[in-house]
Amino acid sequence: MLIAEDNKTNQMMLIKILDRLGYISALANTGIEVIRMLDKEDLILMDVQMPDMDGLEASIYIRKHYTLQPYNYCPYFQCND
């Protein structure tokens, strides 16, 4: 499972939760890193706001260029005050 998140606190929280559920996860800090790591993961938890390439841009790129491999996406939104 690939966690696409640039916030270190959120990364640690997600890894801890997924670890307790028995999942092994990898980290990507940007959408560009997500695209580089696609062949290694089959599920992506992707943040929407990331530097360089955000989650929406990465999702559009993946859907456009990886039509043969079905990837599962779970974009999530962080609420900020």
PDB file of N, CA and C in Angstrom:
ATOM      1  N   MET A   1       0.839  -1.158   0.000  1.00  0.00           N
ATOM      2  CA  MET A   1       0.000   0.000   0.000  1.00  0.00           C
ATOM      3  C   MET A   1       0.892   1.231   0.000  1.00  0.00           C
ATOM      4  N   LEU A   2       0.565   2.171  -0.862  1.00  0.00           N
ATOM      5  CA  LEU A   2       1.349   3.390  -0.986  1.00  0.00           C
ATOM      6  C   LEU A   2       0.609   4.546  -0.322  1.00  0.00           C
ATOM      7  N   ILE A   3       1.275   5.218   0.604  1.00  0.00           N
ATOM      8  CA  ILE A   3       0.737   6.415   1.247  1.00  0.00           C
ATOM      9  C   ILE A   3       1.372   7.613   0.566  1.00  0.00           C
ATOM     10  N   ALA A   4       0.558   8.423  -0.094  1.00  0.00           N
ATOM     11  CA  ALA A   4       1.037   9.633  -0.748  1.00  0.00           C
ATOM     12  C   ALA A   4       0.646  10.816   0.128  1.00  0.00           C
ATOM     13  N   GLU A   5       1.591  11.282   0.909  1.00  0.00           N
ATOM     14  CA  GLU A   5       1.330  12.323   1.914  1.00  0.00           C
ATOM     15  C   GLU A   5       2.625  13.064   2.188  1.00  0.00           C
ATOM     16  N   ASP A   6       2.572  14.390   2.190  1.00  0.00           N
ATOM     17  CA  ASP A   6       3.784  15.169   2.422  1.00  0.00           C
ATOM     18  C   ASP A   6       3.941  15.621   3.872  1.00  0.00           C
ATOM     19  N   ASN A   7       2.917  15.523   4.675  1.00  0.00           N
ATOM     20  CA  ASN A   7       2.970  15.949   6.074  1.00  0.00           C
ATOM     21  C   ASN A   7       3.502  14.804   6.942  1.00  0.00           C
ATOM     22  N   LYS A   8       4.618  15.049   7.636  1.00  0.00           N
ATOM     23  CA  LYS A   8       5.285  14.000   8.427  1.00  0.00           C
ATOM     24  C   LYS A   8       4.383  13.441   9.537  1.00  0.00           C
ATOM     25  N   THR A   9       3.625  14.300  10.190  1.00  0.00           N
ATOM     26  CA  THR A   9       2.727  13.837  11.259  1.00  0.00           C
ATOM     27  C   THR A   9       1.664  12.903  10.691  1.00  0.00           C
ATOM     28  N   ASN A  10       1.071  13.291   9.571  1.00  0.00           N
ATOM     29  CA  ASN A  10       0.067  12.435   8.937  1.00  0.00           C
ATOM     30  C   ASN A  10       0.677  11.119   8.468  1.00  0.00           C
ATOM     31  N   GLN A  11       1.909  11.182   7.960  1.00  0.00           N
ATOM     32  CA  GLN A  11       2.591   9.956   7.536  1.00  0.00           C
ATOM     33  C   GLN A  11       2.729   8.984   8.701  1.00  0.00           C
ATOM     34  N   MET A  12       3.222   9.495   9.836  1.00  0.00           N
ATOM     35  CA  MET A  12       3.422   8.627  11.005  1.00  0.00           C
ATOM     36  C   MET A  12       2.105   8.044  11.489  1.00  0.00           C
ATOM     37  N   MET A  13       1.038   8.854  11.510  1.00  0.00           N
ATOM     38  CA  MET A  13      -0.266   8.395  11.961  1.00  0.00           C
ATOM     39  C   MET A  13      -0.809   7.299  11.040  1.00  0.00           C
ATOM     40  N   LEU A  14      -0.732   7.522   9.734  1.00  0.00           N
ATOM     41  CA  LEU A  14      -1.237   6.536   8.786  1.00  0.00           C
ATOM     42  C   LEU A  14      -0.443   5.234   8.846  1.00  0.00           C
ATOM     43  N   ILE A  15       0.868   5.339   8.938  1.00  0.00           N
ATOM     44  CA  ILE A  15       1.689   4.127   9.029  1.00  0.00           C
ATOM     45  C   ILE A  15       1.326   3.335  10.276  1.00  0.00           C
ATOM     46  N   LYS A  16       1.150   4.022  11.392  1.00  0.00           N
ATOM     47  CA  LYS A  16       0.818   3.349  12.651  1.00  0.00           C
ATOM     48  C   LYS A  16      -0.540   2.643  12.559  1.00  0.00           C
ATOM     49  N   ILE A  17      -1.529   3.335  12.007  1.00  0.00           N
ATOM     50  CA  ILE A  17      -2.862   2.738  11.864  1.00  0.00           C
ATOM     51  C   ILE A  17      -2.810   1.534  10.938  1.00  0.00           C
ATOM     52  N   LEU A  18      -2.175   1.685   9.791  1.00  0.00           N
ATOM     53  CA  LEU A  18      -2.112   0.591   8.823  1.00  0.00           C
ATOM     54  C   LEU A  18      -1.299  -0.578   9.356  1.00  0.00           C
ATOM     55  N   ASP A  19      -0.233  -0.292  10.097  1.00  0.00           N
ATOM     56  CA  ASP A  19       0.570  -1.346  10.711  1.00  0.00           C
ATOM     57  C   ASP A  19      -0.264  -2.157  11.696  1.00  0.00           C
ATOM     58  N   ARG A  20      -1.057  -1.483  12.502  1.00  0.00           N
ATOM     59  CA  ARG A  20      -1.923  -2.184  13.456  1.00  0.00           C
ATOM     60  C   ARG A  20      -2.960  -3.057  12.756  1.00  0.00           C
ATOM     61  N   LEU A  21      -3.336  -2.656  11.544  1.00  0.00           N
ATOM     62  CA  LEU A  21      -4.293  -3.442  10.762  1.00  0.00           C
ATOM     63  C   LEU A  21      -3.613  -4.546   9.955  1.00  0.00           C
ATOM     64  N   GLY A  22      -2.276  -4.601  10.033  1.00  0.00           N
ATOM     65  CA  GLY A  22      -1.530  -5.667   9.368  1.00  0.00           C
ATOM     66  C   GLY A  22      -1.028  -5.333   7.976  1.00  0.00           C
ATOM     67  N   TYR A  23      -1.076  -4.066   7.596  1.00  0.00           N
ATOM     68  CA  TYR A  23      -0.619  -3.671   6.269  1.00  0.00           C
ATOM     69  C   TYR A  23       0.818  -3.171   6.307  1.00  0.00           C
ATOM     70  N   ILE A  24       1.545  -3.442   5.244  1.00  0.00           N
ATOM     71  CA  ILE A  24       2.881  -2.899   5.054  1.00  0.00           C
ATOM     72  C   ILE A  24       2.737  -1.756   4.060  1.00  0.00           C
ATOM     73  N   SER A  25       3.284  -0.600   4.399  1.00  0.00           N
ATOM     74  CA  SER A  25       3.081   0.557   3.531  1.00  0.00           C
ATOM     75  C   SER A  25       4.397   1.209   3.144  1.00  0.00           C
ATOM     76  N   ALA A  26       4.357   1.887   2.002  1.00  0.00           N
ATOM     77  CA  ALA A  26       5.472   2.680   1.511  1.00  0.00           C
ATOM     78  C   ALA A  26       5.020   4.135   1.473  1.00  0.00           C
ATOM     79  N   LEU A  27       5.979   5.046   1.448  1.00  0.00           N
ATOM     80  CA  LEU A  27       5.663   6.475   1.466  1.00  0.00           C
ATOM     81  C   LEU A  27       6.104   7.178   0.195  1.00  0.00           C
ATOM     82  N   ALA A  28       5.267   8.108  -0.245  1.00  0.00           N
ATOM     83  CA  ALA A  28       5.613   9.043  -1.312  1.00  0.00           C
ATOM     84  C   ALA A  28       5.251  10.433  -0.816  1.00  0.00           C
ATOM     85  N   ASN A  29       6.124  11.391  -1.028  1.00  0.00           N
ATOM     86  CA  ASN A  29       5.892  12.761  -0.567  1.00  0.00           C
ATOM     87  C   ASN A  29       5.261  13.663  -1.617  1.00  0.00           C
ATOM     88  N   THR A  30       5.314  13.258  -2.879  1.00  0.00           N
ATOM     89  CA  THR A  30       4.763  14.067  -3.972  1.00  0.00           C
ATOM     90  C   THR A  30       4.080  13.157  -4.982  1.00  0.00           C
ATOM     91  N   GLY A  31       3.298  13.766  -5.857  1.00  0.00           N
ATOM     92  CA  GLY A  31       2.668  12.994  -6.922  1.00  0.00           C
ATOM     93  C   GLY A  31       3.682  12.385  -7.872  1.00  0.00           C
ATOM     94  N   ILE A  32       4.795  13.074  -8.065  1.00  0.00           N
ATOM     95  CA  ILE A  32       5.857  12.545  -8.928  1.00  0.00           C
ATOM     96  C   ILE A  32       6.431  11.253  -8.339  1.00  0.00           C
ATOM     97  N   GLU A  33       6.625  11.226  -7.022  1.00  0.00           N
ATOM     98  CA  GLU A  33       7.107  10.008  -6.362  1.00  0.00           C
ATOM     99  C   GLU A  33       6.076   8.887  -6.491  1.00  0.00           C
ATOM    100  N   VAL A  34       4.800   9.216  -6.427  1.00  0.00           N
ATOM    101  CA  VAL A  34       3.743   8.213  -6.595  1.00  0.00           C
ATOM    102  C   VAL A  34       3.886   7.542  -7.951  1.00  0.00           C
ATOM    103  N   ILE A  35       4.029   8.334  -8.999  1.00  0.00           N
ATOM    104  CA  ILE A  35       4.135   7.790 -10.353  1.00  0.00           C
ATOM    105  C   ILE A  35       5.363   6.900 -10.487  1.00  0.00           C
ATOM    106  N   ARG A  36       6.462   7.286  -9.853  1.00  0.00           N
ATOM    107  CA  ARG A  36       7.682   6.462  -9.901  1.00  0.00           C
ATOM    108  C   ARG A  36       7.509   5.133  -9.169  1.00  0.00           C
ATOM    109  N   MET A  37       6.619   5.088  -8.189  1.00  0.00           N
ATOM    110  CA  MET A  37       6.471   3.898  -7.351  1.00  0.00           C
ATOM    111  C   MET A  37       5.275   3.032  -7.744  1.00  0.00           C
ATOM    112  N   LEU A  38       4.571   3.367  -8.810  1.00  0.00           N
ATOM    113  CA  LEU A  38       3.339   2.662  -9.173  1.00  0.00           C
ATOM    114  C   LEU A  38       3.505   1.161  -9.362  1.00  0.00           C
ATOM    115  N   ASP A  39       4.577   0.758  -9.963  1.00  0.00           N
ATOM    116  CA  ASP A  39       4.757  -0.663 -10.275  1.00  0.00           C
ATOM    117  C   ASP A  39       4.964  -1.525  -9.039  1.00  0.00           C
ATOM    118  N   LYS A  40       5.256  -0.900  -7.894  1.00  0.00           N
ATOM    119  CA  LYS A  40       5.535  -1.647  -6.673  1.00  0.00           C
ATOM    120  C   LYS A  40       4.316  -1.786  -5.764  1.00  0.00           C
ATOM    121  N   GLU A  41       3.262  -1.004  -6.001  1.00  0.00           N
ATOM    122  CA  GLU A  41       2.115  -0.972  -5.089  1.00  0.00           C
ATOM    123  C   GLU A  41       0.816  -1.202  -5.848  1.00  0.00           C
ATOM    124  N   ASP A  42      -0.188  -1.736  -5.157  1.00  0.00           N
ATOM    125  CA  ASP A  42      -1.476  -1.952  -5.816  1.00  0.00           C
ATOM    126  C   ASP A  42      -2.620  -1.143  -5.190  1.00  0.00           C
ATOM    127  N   LEU A  43      -2.334  -0.406  -4.132  1.00  0.00           N
ATOM    128  CA  LEU A  43      -3.329   0.448  -3.504  1.00  0.00           C
ATOM    129  C   LEU A  43      -2.656   1.751  -3.094  1.00  0.00           C
ATOM    130  N   ILE A  44      -3.305   2.870  -3.393  1.00  0.00           N
ATOM    131  CA  ILE A  44      -2.727   4.179  -3.092  1.00  0.00           C
ATOM    132  C   ILE A  44      -3.702   4.978  -2.237  1.00  0.00           C
ATOM    133  N   LEU A  45      -3.222   5.460  -1.097  1.00  0.00           N
ATOM    134  CA  LEU A  45      -3.955   6.432  -0.300  1.00  0.00           C
ATOM    135  C   LEU A  45      -3.303   7.771  -0.607  1.00  0.00           C
ATOM    136  N   MET A  46      -3.999   8.635  -1.350  1.00  0.00           N
ATOM    137  CA  MET A  46      -3.343   9.823  -1.874  1.00  0.00           C
ATOM    138  C   MET A  46      -3.948  11.105  -1.314  1.00  0.00           C
ATOM    139  N   ASP A  47      -3.066  11.932  -0.785  1.00  0.00           N
ATOM    140  CA  ASP A  47      -3.427  13.273  -0.346  1.00  0.00           C
ATOM    141  C   ASP A  47      -3.702  14.112  -1.592  1.00  0.00           C
ATOM    142  N   VAL A  48      -4.529  15.119  -1.450  1.00  0.00           N
ATOM    143  CA  VAL A  48      -4.833  15.969  -2.587  1.00  0.00           C
ATOM    144  C   VAL A  48      -3.814  17.087  -2.731  1.00  0.00           C
ATOM    145  N   GLN A  49      -3.402  17.696  -1.629  1.00  0.00           N
ATOM    146  CA  GLN A  49      -2.474  18.824  -1.685  1.00  0.00           C
ATOM    147  C   GLN A  49      -1.066  18.363  -1.335  1.00  0.00           C
ATOM    148  N   MET A  50      -0.230  18.260  -2.381  1.00  0.00           N
ATOM    149  CA  MET A  50       1.172  17.888  -2.208  1.00  0.00           C
ATOM    150  C   MET A  50       2.018  18.778  -3.099  1.00  0.00           C
ATOM    151  N   PRO A  51       3.309  18.939  -2.765  1.00  0.00           N
ATOM    152  CA  PRO A  51       4.181  19.777  -3.610  1.00  0.00           C
ATOM    153  C   PRO A  51       4.517  19.090  -4.934  1.00  0.00           C
ATOM    154  N   ASP A  52       4.998  19.869  -5.880  1.00  0.00           N
ATOM    155  CA  ASP A  52       5.436  19.422  -7.210  1.00  0.00           C
ATOM    156  C   ASP A  52       4.274  18.956  -8.086  1.00  0.00           C
ATOM    157  N   MET A  53       3.611  17.889  -7.698  1.00  0.00           N
ATOM    158  CA  MET A  53       2.432  17.393  -8.418  1.00  0.00           C
ATOM    159  C   MET A  53       1.436  16.954  -7.352  1.00  0.00           C
ATOM    160  N   ASP A  54       0.259  17.580  -7.342  1.00  0.00           N
ATOM    161  CA  ASP A  54      -0.701  17.234  -6.290  1.00  0.00           C
ATOM    162  C   ASP A  54      -1.427  15.923  -6.616  1.00  0.00           C
ATOM    163  N   GLY A  55      -2.232  15.477  -5.693  1.00  0.00           N
ATOM    164  CA  GLY A  55      -2.914  14.195  -5.842  1.00  0.00           C
ATOM    165  C   GLY A  55      -3.866  14.132  -7.018  1.00  0.00           C
ATOM    166  N   LEU A  56      -4.532  15.242  -7.315  1.00  0.00           N
ATOM    167  CA  LEU A  56      -5.449  15.266  -8.459  1.00  0.00           C
ATOM    168  C   LEU A  56      -4.688  15.156  -9.770  1.00  0.00           C
ATOM    169  N   GLU A  57      -3.591  15.890  -9.899  1.00  0.00           N
ATOM    170  CA  GLU A  57      -2.763  15.808 -11.110  1.00  0.00           C
ATOM    171  C   GLU A  57      -2.183  14.409 -11.273  1.00  0.00           C
ATOM    172  N   ALA A  58      -1.738  13.821 -10.165  1.00  0.00           N
ATOM    173  CA  ALA A  58      -1.185  12.459 -10.215  1.00  0.00           C
ATOM    174  C   ALA A  58      -2.250  11.464 -10.636  1.00  0.00           C
ATOM    175  N   SER A  59      -3.460  11.601 -10.109  1.00  0.00           N
ATOM    176  CA  SER A  59      -4.556  10.694 -10.473  1.00  0.00           C
ATOM    177  C   SER A  59      -4.888  10.799 -11.960  1.00  0.00           C
ATOM    178  N   ILE A  60      -4.932  12.024 -12.467  1.00  0.00           N
ATOM    179  CA  ILE A  60      -5.208  12.222 -13.898  1.00  0.00           C
ATOM    180  C   ILE A  60      -4.108  11.581 -14.739  1.00  0.00           C
ATOM    181  N   TYR A  61      -2.856  11.777 -14.352  1.00  0.00           N
ATOM    182  CA  TYR A  61      -1.733  11.188 -15.080  1.00  0.00           C
ATOM    183  C   TYR A  61      -1.815   9.659 -15.067  1.00  0.00           C
ATOM    184  N   ILE A  62      -2.088   9.087 -13.903  1.00  0.00           N
ATOM    185  CA  ILE A  62      -2.155   7.627 -13.774  1.00  0.00           C
ATOM    186  C   ILE A  62      -3.271   7.065 -14.636  1.00  0.00           C
ATOM    187  N   ARG A  63      -4.440   7.665 -14.576  1.00  0.00           N
ATOM    188  CA  ARG A  63      -5.573   7.166 -15.376  1.00  0.00           C
ATOM    189  C   ARG A  63      -5.301   7.288 -16.872  1.00  0.00           C
ATOM    190  N   LYS A  64      -4.567   8.316 -17.265  1.00  0.00           N
ATOM    191  CA  LYS A  64      -4.280   8.534 -18.679  1.00  0.00           C
ATOM    192  C   LYS A  64      -3.206   7.586 -19.206  1.00  0.00           C
ATOM    193  N   HIS A  65      -2.183   7.288 -18.394  1.00  0.00           N
ATOM    194  CA  HIS A  65      -1.029   6.527 -18.870  1.00  0.00           C
ATOM    195  C   HIS A  65      -0.972   5.073 -18.408  1.00  0.00           C
ATOM    196  N   TYR A  66      -1.788   4.672 -17.465  1.00  0.00           N
ATOM    197  CA  TYR A  66      -1.756   3.304 -16.942  1.00  0.00           C
ATOM    198  C   TYR A  66      -3.120   2.655 -17.096  1.00  0.00           C
ATOM    199  N   THR A  67      -3.600   2.596 -18.316  1.00  0.00           N
ATOM    200  CA  THR A  67      -4.946   2.077 -18.570  1.00  0.00           C
ATOM    201  C   THR A  67      -5.028   0.555 -18.446  1.00  0.00           C
ATOM    202  N   LEU A  68      -3.928  -0.161 -18.602  1.00  0.00           N
ATOM    203  CA  LEU A  68      -3.975  -1.624 -18.547  1.00  0.00           C
ATOM    204  C   LEU A  68      -3.974  -2.165 -17.121  1.00  0.00           C
ATOM    205  N   GLN A  69      -3.394  -1.451 -16.206  1.00  0.00           N
ATOM    206  CA  GLN A  69      -3.296  -1.908 -14.818  1.00  0.00           C
ATOM    207  C   GLN A  69      -4.369  -1.217 -13.973  1.00  0.00           C
ATOM    208  N   PRO A  70      -5.283  -1.991 -13.404  1.00  0.00           N
ATOM    209  CA  PRO A  70      -6.306  -1.350 -12.564  1.00  0.00           C
ATOM    210  C   PRO A  70      -5.727  -0.979 -11.198  1.00  0.00           C
ATOM    211  N   TYR A  71      -5.663   0.287 -10.915  1.00  0.00           N
ATOM    212  CA  TYR A  71      -5.201   0.759  -9.619  1.00  0.00           C
ATOM    213  C   TYR A  71      -6.392   1.199  -8.793  1.00  0.00           C
ATOM    214  N   ASN A  72      -6.294   1.008  -7.508  1.00  0.00           N
ATOM    215  CA  ASN A  72      -7.340   1.432  -6.582  1.00  0.00           C
ATOM    216  C   ASN A  72      -6.907   2.730  -5.935  1.00  0.00           C
ATOM    217  N   TYR A  73      -7.792   3.710  -5.943  1.00  0.00           N
ATOM    218  CA  TYR A  73      -7.469   5.028  -5.400  1.00  0.00           C
ATOM    219  C   TYR A  73      -8.378   5.351  -4.235  1.00  0.00           C
ATOM    220  N   CYS A  74      -7.834   6.008  -3.271  1.00  0.00           N
ATOM    221  CA  CYS A  74      -8.626   6.510  -2.152  1.00  0.00           C
ATOM    222  C   CYS A  74      -8.115   7.907  -1.821  1.00  0.00           C
ATOM    223  N   PRO A  75      -8.521   8.915  -2.628  1.00  0.00           N
ATOM    224  CA  PRO A  75      -8.076  10.265  -2.289  1.00  0.00           C
ATOM    225  C   PRO A  75      -8.689  10.683  -0.959  1.00  0.00           C
ATOM    226  N   TYR A  76      -7.934  11.376  -0.161  1.00  0.00           N
ATOM    227  CA  TYR A  76      -8.505  11.853   1.096  1.00  0.00           C
ATOM    228  C   TYR A  76      -8.185  13.315   1.267  1.00  0.00           C
ATOM    229  N   PHE A  77      -9.018  13.973   2.010  1.00  0.00           N
ATOM    230  CA  PHE A  77      -8.889  15.406   2.202  1.00  0.00           C
ATOM    231  C   PHE A  77      -8.573  15.680   3.660  1.00  0.00           C
ATOM    232  N   GLN A  78      -7.681  16.599   3.880  1.00  0.00           N
ATOM    233  CA  GLN A  78      -7.345  17.029   5.229  1.00  0.00           C
ATOM    234  C   GLN A  78      -8.042  18.360   5.467  1.00  0.00           C
ATOM    235  N   CYS A  79      -8.749  18.452   6.565  1.00  0.00           N
ATOM    236  CA  CYS A  79      -9.445  19.691   6.898  1.00  0.00           C
ATOM    237  C   CYS A  79      -8.525  20.577   7.738  1.00  0.00           C
ATOM    238  N   ASN A  80      -8.319  21.774   7.268  1.00  0.00           N
ATOM    239  CA  ASN A  80      -7.489  22.741   7.983  1.00  0.00           C
ATOM    240  C   ASN A  80      -8.329  23.940   8.361  1.00  0.00           C
ATOM    241  N   ASP A  81      -7.992  24.534   9.499  1.00  0.00           N
ATOM    242  CA  ASP A  81      -8.682  25.765   9.912  1.00  0.00           C
ATOM    243  C   ASP A  81      -8.073  26.962   9.260  1.00  0.00           C
TER     244      ASP A  81
END
